[in-house]
C-alpha cells in the first residue's frame, strides 16, 4: 500500500531524474504493458505513462524501466492429485525457472500446500535450497489453495526488494481452505504483492488473464541476471461455507485473486506446458515498469482506485487496481 523509504532505491533508477521530497509516502505500482498479440513491451519512458487515482491524474515522481530484483514466493500444490509425472514436470519447470530465468539478485521462498500450507524453505538466494525443497515434496491430501495464498502474501510482503510477487501452481480447485475468496481478496488489497497463478487443467482450453498471447515465446529467454541465456463481482468460495465442486481448476476464482494485484492467471492444458508458462512469467518480470506517486488522499481506511494508461492506444496496461489506505 503506502510505501515509505523507497526513495533511495528508486532515485537511482529514475530514468528522467525526478526529485524526491524527504518524508513523502509513495504509492508504488508495477505495470505490465502488452501489444495486441499479448507480447510484453519494454523501452517505454516515464512520459509515456499516465497514472490516475480515483479518476484524478497524478504526477509520477519515480520511475524505472529496467529490470529490478524481485522477492518471489513459490507455492506448489502438493495434494494427492499431483501424481508422480505431474510432480516431475513441475520440478523440472521450477528448476529451470529459478536457475536459468530469474535474476541473480532475486530472492525466493518455497511453500507447499495440501490439507494446509507449509513453509518449506524461507527466504534465500540459494537456488539449490529451493530445488532441494521442491524435490522433497510428497503429494497427499486435499487442496488448501486459498489458505496458501493467505499465508504466502504476508511472507512475500516482507521481502527485501521493493518488487514483491507470489506464484501459485496448482492442478485443481480448492477443497480444504478455511479462508474464502472474498476474505482473501480483502487481505490482498492491503498489500503490494503481485499474485500470479498457473493452473493446470487438461479439460480446459488455455486461458490467460489480459490480452491473448497468440504465439509461443522463444526458449530460452535471455533474461538479464540469468545464467546467460475494475474488479469482478464476488463469488462464493473457500472455507466451510464453500459448496464442494469438481476438482477442476476454478479459473474465475483465481482471476479474482490475481487480477486486482496486477498479476494474472494462466491456465495450461498439461504440466508439460509449465515450462513455457514460467518462461513467460520471467520475461514479464524483465519488462515490467516500476512507478511511484505521492497520493493526494489520507489514510482514511477506504479503497482508492488506481488506473495506469499509456499514450499509445494500441498498447494495454495491467497494474494493481487500487489500494486500501489503512
Protein backbone atom coordinates (compact mmCIF):
# COMPACT_ATOMS: atom_id res chain seq x y z
CA UNK A 1 0.00 0.00 0.00
CA UNK A 2 1.68 3.20 1.25
CA UNK A 3 5.41 2.76 0.93
CA UNK A 4 7.91 4.96 2.70
CA UNK A 5 11.64 4.79 2.30
CA UNK A 6 11.59 3.68 -1.32
CA UNK A 7 13.34 6.85 -2.44
CA UNK A 8 16.88 5.60 -2.15
CA UNK A 9 16.17 2.57 -4.29
CA UNK A 10 14.14 4.29 -6.95
CA UNK A 11 16.07 7.54 -7.23
CA UNK A 12 18.95 5.76 -8.91
CA UNK A 13 16.59 4.02 -11.31
CA UNK A 14 14.51 7.07 -12.35
CA UNK A 15 15.35 7.48 -16.00
CA UNK A 16 14.08 11.10 -16.03
CA UNK A 17 15.77 12.41 -12.91
CA UNK A 18 12.70 13.20 -10.81
CA UNK A 19 13.50 14.67 -7.41
CA UNK A 20 12.15 13.30 -4.13
CA UNK A 21 10.94 15.25 -1.11
CA UNK A 22 12.06 13.61 2.10
CA UNK A 23 9.25 12.08 4.12
CA UNK A 24 6.78 11.77 1.26
CA UNK A 25 4.99 8.44 1.19
CA UNK A 26 4.67 6.79 -2.18
CA UNK A 27 2.13 4.55 -3.80
CA UNK A 28 4.17 2.02 -5.75
CA UNK A 29 2.74 0.43 -8.87
CA UNK A 30 4.23 -2.29 -11.06
CA UNK A 31 2.89 -2.04 -14.61
CA UNK A 32 3.00 -4.61 -17.40
CA UNK A 33 2.48 -3.35 -20.97
CA UNK A 34 1.44 -5.62 -23.85
CA UNK A 35 0.61 -5.18 -27.52
CA UNK A 36 -2.38 -6.60 -29.38
CA UNK A 37 -0.68 -10.00 -29.61
CA UNK A 38 -0.02 -10.11 -25.87
CA UNK A 39 3.72 -9.56 -26.25
CA UNK A 40 5.41 -7.72 -23.42
CA UNK A 41 6.61 -4.23 -24.39
CA UNK A 42 9.80 -2.78 -22.95
CA UNK A 43 11.65 0.51 -23.51
CA UNK A 44 8.87 2.97 -22.66
CA UNK A 45 9.71 6.11 -20.70
CA UNK A 46 8.01 7.96 -17.86
CA UNK A 47 6.33 10.42 -20.25
CA UNK A 48 4.60 7.51 -21.98
CA UNK A 49 2.60 6.73 -18.82
CA UNK A 50 -0.38 8.34 -17.10
CA UNK A 51 -1.44 7.36 -13.56
CA UNK A 52 -4.84 8.15 -12.07
CA UNK A 53 -6.09 7.79 -8.50
CA UNK A 54 -9.88 7.89 -8.13
CA UNK A 55 -10.04 9.37 -11.63
CA UNK A 56 -7.60 12.21 -10.95
CA UNK A 57 -4.29 12.25 -12.79
CA UNK A 58 -1.20 12.05 -10.58
CA UNK A 59 2.38 13.14 -11.10
CA UNK A 60 4.73 10.20 -11.49
CA UNK A 61 7.57 11.02 -9.12
CA UNK A 62 9.61 7.85 -9.54
CA UNK A 63 10.01 5.56 -12.48
CA UNK A 64 12.15 2.65 -13.64
CA UNK A 65 12.03 0.84 -16.97
CA UNK A 66 14.85 -1.50 -16.06
CA UNK A 67 14.52 -4.97 -14.62
CA UNK A 68 14.56 -4.68 -10.85
CA UNK A 69 15.15 -7.59 -8.46
CA UNK A 70 12.04 -9.37 -7.24
CA UNK A 71 11.21 -11.04 -3.93
CA UNK A 72 9.23 -14.03 -5.15
CA UNK A 73 7.34 -16.68 -3.24
CA UNK A 74 6.65 -20.04 -4.88
CA UNK A 75 3.59 -22.00 -3.71
CA UNK A 76 3.19 -25.51 -5.16
CA UNK A 77 0.18 -27.81 -4.93
CA UNK A 78 1.23 -30.94 -3.02
CA UNK A 79 -2.20 -32.56 -2.85
CA UNK A 80 -2.92 -36.17 -3.71
CA UNK A 81 -3.88 -35.26 -7.28
CA UNK A 82 -0.27 -34.38 -8.00
CA UNK A 83 0.80 -37.72 -9.44
CA UNK A 84 4.46 -38.59 -9.94
CA UNK A 85 4.53 -37.48 -13.58
CA UNK A 86 2.88 -34.17 -12.73
CA UNK A 87 5.30 -33.55 -9.89
CA UNK A 88 8.27 -34.44 -12.08
CA UNK A 89 7.19 -31.91 -14.71
CA UNK A 90 6.59 -29.28 -12.04
CA UNK A 91 10.07 -29.84 -10.56
CA UNK A 92 11.68 -29.54 -13.99
CA UNK A 93 9.84 -26.30 -14.78
CA UNK A 94 10.60 -24.77 -11.38
CA UNK A 95 14.28 -25.73 -11.59
CA UNK A 96 14.69 -24.08 -14.97
CA UNK A 97 12.73 -21.06 -13.78
CA UNK A 98 14.87 -20.43 -10.69
CA UNK A 99 18.24 -21.43 -12.17
CA UNK A 100 18.08 -20.02 -15.69
CA UNK A 101 15.32 -17.43 -15.95
CA UNK A 102 15.34 -15.40 -12.75
CA UNK A 103 17.92 -12.75 -11.91
CA UNK A 104 20.87 -13.46 -9.67
CA UNK A 105 19.66 -10.93 -7.09
CA UNK A 106 16.13 -12.30 -6.92
CA UNK A 107 15.24 -13.92 -3.60
CA UNK A 108 12.73 -16.71 -3.13
CA UNK A 109 10.83 -18.77 -0.60
CA UNK A 110 9.06 -22.08 -1.20
CA UNK A 111 5.70 -23.07 0.26
CA UNK A 112 3.83 -26.30 -0.41
CA UNK A 113 0.13 -26.83 0.25
CA UNK A 114 -2.12 -29.86 0.61
CA UNK A 115 -4.57 -30.05 3.54
CA UNK A 116 -2.79 -26.97 4.82
CA UNK A 117 0.05 -24.73 3.61
CA UNK A 118 3.55 -25.29 4.94
CA UNK A 119 6.62 -23.11 4.51
CA UNK A 120 9.42 -25.45 3.47
CA UNK A 121 12.19 -23.00 2.54
CA UNK A 122 12.45 -19.48 3.93
CA UNK A 123 13.83 -16.52 2.00
CA UNK A 124 17.03 -17.39 0.16
CA UNK A 125 19.06 -16.58 -2.93
CA UNK A 126 20.43 -20.15 -2.94
CA UNK A 127 18.79 -21.83 -5.92
CA UNK A 128 19.92 -25.26 -4.75
CA UNK A 129 17.99 -24.81 -1.50
CA UNK A 130 14.81 -24.12 -3.49
CA UNK A 131 15.45 -27.08 -5.80
CA UNK A 132 16.03 -29.45 -2.87
CA UNK A 133 12.85 -28.23 -1.15
CA UNK A 134 10.78 -28.88 -4.27
CA UNK A 135 12.36 -32.31 -4.71
CA UNK A 136 11.28 -33.33 -1.20
CA UNK A 137 7.56 -32.74 -1.84
CA UNK A 138 5.45 -35.87 -1.25
CA UNK A 139 1.90 -35.34 -2.56
CA UNK A 140 -1.01 -36.28 -0.31
CA UNK A 141 -4.34 -34.92 0.95
CA UNK A 142 -6.59 -32.09 -0.20
CA UNK A 143 -6.00 -28.68 -1.73
CA UNK A 144 -5.88 -25.63 0.58
CA UNK A 145 -5.09 -23.24 -2.25
CA UNK A 146 -6.72 -20.11 -0.80
CA UNK A 147 -5.04 -20.72 2.56
CA UNK A 148 -1.71 -20.97 0.73
CA UNK A 149 -2.23 -17.55 -0.84
CA UNK A 150 -3.34 -16.18 2.54
CA UNK A 151 -0.06 -17.41 4.06
CA UNK A 152 2.10 -16.55 1.05
CA UNK A 153 1.12 -12.91 0.55
CA UNK A 154 2.24 -11.72 4.02
CA UNK A 155 5.50 -13.61 3.57
CA UNK A 156 6.07 -12.04 0.16
CA UNK A 157 5.27 -8.58 1.54
CA UNK A 158 8.30 -8.70 3.88
CA UNK A 159 10.77 -9.50 1.11
CA UNK A 160 13.73 -7.15 0.93
CA UNK A 161 13.11 -5.95 -2.63
CA UNK A 162 10.50 -3.26 -3.44
CA UNK A 163 9.03 -5.54 -6.11
CA UNK A 164 7.26 -8.49 -4.49
CA UNK A 165 5.33 -11.36 -6.05
CA UNK A 166 3.75 -14.74 -5.30
CA UNK A 167 3.39 -17.55 -7.85
CA UNK A 168 0.87 -20.34 -7.15
CA UNK A 169 0.93 -23.57 -9.19
CA UNK A 170 -2.00 -25.99 -8.89
CA UNK A 171 -3.88 -28.64 -10.85
CA UNK A 172 -7.20 -28.44 -9.01
CA UNK A 173 -9.90 -26.45 -7.30
CA UNK A 174 -9.67 -25.54 -3.64
CA UNK A 175 -11.10 -28.26 -1.40
CA UNK A 176 -9.70 -27.59 2.05
CA UNK A 177 -9.24 -23.89 2.83
CA UNK A 178 -10.59 -22.05 5.84
CA UNK A 179 -10.41 -18.66 4.15
CA UNK A 180 -12.91 -17.66 1.45
CA UNK A 181 -12.17 -15.92 -1.84
CA UNK A 182 -13.83 -12.74 -0.56
CA UNK A 183 -11.78 -12.74 2.63
CA UNK A 184 -8.65 -13.41 0.63
CA UNK A 185 -9.28 -10.54 -1.77
CA UNK A 186 -9.79 -8.16 1.15
CA UNK A 187 -6.45 -9.22 2.62
CA UNK A 188 -4.59 -8.94 -0.69
CA UNK A 189 -5.88 -5.39 -1.16
CA UNK A 190 -3.77 -4.35 1.83
CA UNK A 191 -0.53 -5.43 0.18
CA UNK A 192 1.60 -4.52 -2.84
CA UNK A 193 2.27 -8.14 -3.74
CA UNK A 194 1.69 -9.21 -7.34
CA UNK A 195 -0.12 -12.55 -7.30
CA UNK A 196 0.24 -14.96 -10.22
CA UNK A 197 -1.49 -18.31 -10.67
CA UNK A 198 -0.63 -21.12 -13.06
CA UNK A 199 -3.47 -23.62 -13.23
CA UNK A 200 -3.16 -26.97 -14.98
CA UNK A 201 -6.45 -28.29 -16.37
CA UNK A 202 -6.35 -30.91 -19.10
CA UNK A 203 -10.06 -30.46 -19.83
CA UNK A 204 -9.90 -26.71 -20.43
CA UNK A 205 -8.72 -24.55 -23.30
CA UNK A 206 -5.62 -22.50 -22.47
CA UNK A 207 -6.63 -19.24 -20.76
CA UNK A 208 -4.64 -16.19 -19.74
CA UNK A 209 -5.77 -13.02 -17.99
CA UNK A 210 -5.49 -9.94 -20.20
CA UNK A 211 -4.56 -9.96 -23.88
CA UNK A 212 -4.13 -13.35 -25.51
CA UNK A 213 -0.55 -14.35 -26.24
CA UNK A 214 -1.03 -15.96 -29.61
CA UNK A 215 2.46 -17.21 -30.32
CA UNK A 216 4.76 -19.20 -28.04
CA UNK A 217 7.73 -17.18 -26.86
CA UNK A 218 11.16 -18.49 -27.88
CA UNK A 219 13.09 -20.51 -25.35
CA UNK A 220 15.34 -19.93 -23.61
CA UNK A 221 14.94 -16.23 -22.85
CA UNK A 222 17.98 -14.01 -22.44
CA UNK A 223 16.77 -12.76 -19.07
CA UNK A 224 19.13 -10.16 -17.55
CA UNK A 225 20.80 -11.60 -14.49
CA UNK A 226 20.13 -15.19 -15.52
CA UNK A 227 22.74 -17.77 -16.48
CA UNK A 228 23.31 -16.24 -19.92
CA UNK A 229 20.84 -17.39 -21.95
CA UNK A 230 -12.42 -2.73 -12.30
CA UNK A 231 -12.81 -5.83 -10.03
CA UNK A 232 -15.01 -8.79 -10.97
CA UNK A 233 -18.17 -9.47 -8.93
CA UNK A 234 -17.58 -11.59 -5.83
CA UNK A 235 -18.15 -15.30 -5.99
CA UNK A 236 -18.71 -17.90 -3.31
CA UNK A 237 -15.56 -19.81 -2.50
CA UNK A 238 -13.21 -21.22 0.09
CA UNK A 239 -13.61 -22.48 3.62
CA UNK A 240 -16.51 -24.32 5.21
CA UNK A 241 -19.03 -22.01 3.52
CA UNK A 242 -17.97 -23.16 0.07
CA UNK A 243 -20.03 -25.69 -1.83
CA UNK A 244 -17.84 -28.60 -2.86
CA UNK A 245 -17.35 -28.81 -6.62
CA UNK A 246 -15.40 -30.90 -9.05
CA UNK A 247 -11.64 -30.91 -8.75
CA UNK A 248 -11.09 -28.79 -11.85
CA UNK A 249 -9.18 -25.54 -11.65
CA UNK A 250 -11.52 -22.65 -10.82
CA UNK A 251 -10.13 -20.05 -13.24
CA UNK A 252 -12.70 -17.41 -12.26
CA UNK A 253 -11.74 -17.64 -8.59
CA UNK A 254 -8.05 -17.47 -9.46
CA UNK A 255 -8.61 -14.38 -11.59
CA UNK A 256 -10.42 -12.68 -8.71
CA UNK A 257 -7.36 -13.34 -6.58
CA UNK A 258 -4.71 -12.32 -9.10
CA UNK A 259 -6.14 -9.56 -11.26
CA UNK A 260 -6.66 -6.91 -8.55
CA UNK A 261 -2.95 -7.12 -7.76
CA UNK A 262 -1.60 -6.53 -11.27
CA UNK A 263 -0.69 -10.20 -11.59
CA UNK A 264 -2.55 -12.68 -13.77
CA UNK A 265 -3.91 -16.20 -14.10
CA UNK A 266 -2.80 -18.58 -16.82
CA UNK A 267 -4.46 -21.95 -17.41
CA UNK A 268 -2.47 -24.53 -19.37
CA UNK A 269 -3.55 -27.95 -20.63
CA UNK A 270 -0.83 -30.03 -19.06
CA UNK A 271 2.22 -29.97 -16.84
CA UNK A 272 4.43 -30.18 -19.91
CA UNK A 273 3.25 -26.61 -20.61
CA UNK A 274 4.52 -25.26 -17.28
CA UNK A 275 7.99 -24.66 -18.70
CA UNK A 276 6.66 -22.20 -21.27
CA UNK A 277 4.33 -20.59 -18.73
CA UNK A 278 7.11 -19.92 -16.23
CA UNK A 279 9.30 -18.62 -19.06
CA UNK A 280 6.59 -16.13 -19.98
CA UNK A 281 6.47 -15.01 -16.36
CA UNK A 282 10.23 -14.48 -16.27
CA UNK A 283 10.00 -12.46 -19.48
CA UNK A 284 7.22 -10.39 -17.90
CA UNK A 285 9.34 -9.67 -14.83
CA UNK A 286 12.17 -8.45 -17.06
CA UNK A 287 9.95 -5.99 -18.97
CA UNK A 288 7.79 -4.51 -16.23
CA UNK A 289 7.78 -0.85 -15.18
CA UNK A 290 8.02 0.40 -11.62
CA UNK A 291 6.20 3.69 -10.94
CA UNK A 292 5.68 5.78 -7.82
CA UNK A 293 3.47 8.74 -7.00
CA UNK A 294 2.54 10.73 -3.89
CA UNK A 295 -1.07 10.00 -3.05
CA UNK A 296 -3.30 13.07 -2.60
CA UNK A 297 -5.51 11.12 -0.19
CA UNK A 298 -5.32 10.42 3.50
CA UNK A 299 -5.15 7.17 5.42
CA UNK A 300 -8.93 7.07 5.54
CA UNK A 301 -9.35 3.30 5.54
CA UNK A 302 -11.02 3.43 2.14
CA UNK A 303 -10.33 1.73 -1.17
CA UNK A 304 -8.81 4.06 -3.77
CA UNK A 305 -8.88 3.12 -7.45
CA UNK A 306 -5.67 3.18 -9.47
CA UNK A 307 -5.57 3.27 -13.26
CA UNK A 308 -2.42 3.26 -15.36
CA UNK A 309 -2.61 4.18 -19.04
CA UNK A 310 -0.10 4.69 -21.84
CA UNK A 311 -0.31 7.24 -24.63
CA UNK A 312 -0.13 4.57 -27.33
CA UNK A 313 -3.73 3.36 -27.58
CA UNK A 314 -2.61 0.18 -29.32
CA UNK A 315 -0.98 -0.99 -26.08
CA UNK A 316 -2.66 -2.38 -22.96
CA UNK A 317 -1.54 -1.91 -19.35
CA UNK A 318 -2.02 -4.31 -16.46
CA UNK A 319 -1.41 -2.97 -12.94
CA UNK A 320 -2.86 -3.14 -9.46
CA UNK A 321 -6.41 -1.79 -9.43
CA UNK A 322 -6.12 0.20 -6.23
CA UNK A 323 -5.06 0.22 -2.61
CA UNK A 324 -6.62 0.32 0.84
CA UNK A 325 -5.48 3.46 2.65
CA UNK A 326 -5.24 1.97 6.13
